[in-house]
């Protein structure tokens, strides 16, 4: 398994936010059996583009400023 679990949500037919959250792999009874490996360096931003790295974190957290329609 790989990826950002904030971006890879399961599809739950007629499900609301609670049902979708309950259906994620991290809420499965087998989740504690998984071995989790975490990356310590973002290789896409390893060349020193800190602004892009910060933008990616804000995007993942949903904290980017809203831009009015262009």
Protein backbone atom coordinates (compact mmCIF):
# COMPACT_ATOMS: atom_id res chain seq x y z
CA UNK A 1 0.00 0.00 0.00
CA UNK A 2 1.20 3.46 -0.65
CA UNK A 3 0.09 7.00 -1.03
CA UNK A 4 -1.46 9.73 1.00
CA UNK A 5 -4.52 8.36 2.79
CA UNK A 6 -5.97 11.87 2.88
CA UNK A 7 -6.17 11.77 -0.91
CA UNK A 8 -7.12 8.11 -1.48
CA UNK A 9 -10.56 7.68 0.04
CA UNK A 10 -12.77 4.63 -0.50
CA UNK A 11 -16.02 4.87 -2.41
CA UNK A 12 -19.02 4.15 -0.19
CA UNK A 13 -22.31 4.03 -2.02
CA UNK A 14 -24.70 6.56 -0.47
CA UNK A 15 -22.11 7.11 2.26
CA UNK A 16 -21.65 10.31 4.20
CA UNK A 17 -18.37 11.62 5.60
CA UNK A 18 -18.57 9.37 8.66
CA UNK A 19 -19.21 6.22 6.59
CA UNK A 20 -16.33 7.01 4.24
CA UNK A 21 -13.99 7.58 7.19
CA UNK A 22 -15.10 4.32 8.80
CA UNK A 23 -14.35 2.45 5.55
CA UNK A 24 -10.71 3.54 5.29
CA UNK A 25 -7.95 0.96 5.62
CA UNK A 26 -6.63 2.55 8.81
CA UNK A 27 -9.93 1.72 10.53
CA UNK A 28 -9.75 -1.93 9.48
CA UNK A 29 -9.07 -4.56 12.17
CA UNK A 30 -5.97 -5.70 10.24
CA UNK A 31 -4.35 -2.24 10.25
CA UNK A 32 -2.26 -2.90 13.42
CA UNK A 33 -0.70 -5.88 11.63
CA UNK A 34 0.78 -3.67 8.89
CA UNK A 35 4.34 -2.46 9.13
CA UNK A 36 4.44 1.24 8.40
CA UNK A 37 7.49 2.77 6.75
CA UNK A 38 7.63 6.54 6.55
CA UNK A 39 9.63 8.57 4.10
CA UNK A 40 11.90 11.12 5.73
CA UNK A 41 12.80 13.19 2.69
CA UNK A 42 10.59 14.43 -0.12
CA UNK A 43 12.65 13.56 -3.21
CA UNK A 44 10.47 15.69 -5.47
CA UNK A 45 11.58 18.76 -3.59
CA UNK A 46 15.12 17.63 -2.79
CA UNK A 47 16.63 20.20 -5.15
CA UNK A 48 15.94 23.03 -2.73
CA UNK A 49 12.51 24.22 -3.81
CA UNK A 50 11.23 24.80 -0.28
CA UNK A 51 8.33 26.94 -1.51
CA UNK A 52 6.97 23.99 -3.49
CA UNK A 53 7.43 21.66 -0.52
CA UNK A 54 5.49 24.05 1.72
CA UNK A 55 2.75 24.35 -0.91
CA UNK A 56 2.43 20.54 -1.09
CA UNK A 57 1.98 20.32 2.69
CA UNK A 58 -0.65 23.06 2.63
CA UNK A 59 -2.44 21.29 -0.22
CA UNK A 60 -2.45 17.99 1.68
CA UNK A 61 -3.71 19.67 4.84
CA UNK A 62 -6.42 21.58 2.97
CA UNK A 63 -5.08 24.87 4.25
CA UNK A 64 -4.38 26.66 0.96
CA UNK A 65 -5.95 30.06 0.60
CA UNK A 66 -9.13 30.02 -1.47
CA UNK A 67 -8.77 31.79 -4.80
CA UNK A 68 -11.88 33.49 -6.17
CA UNK A 69 -13.04 32.34 -9.57
CA UNK A 70 -10.66 33.48 -12.25
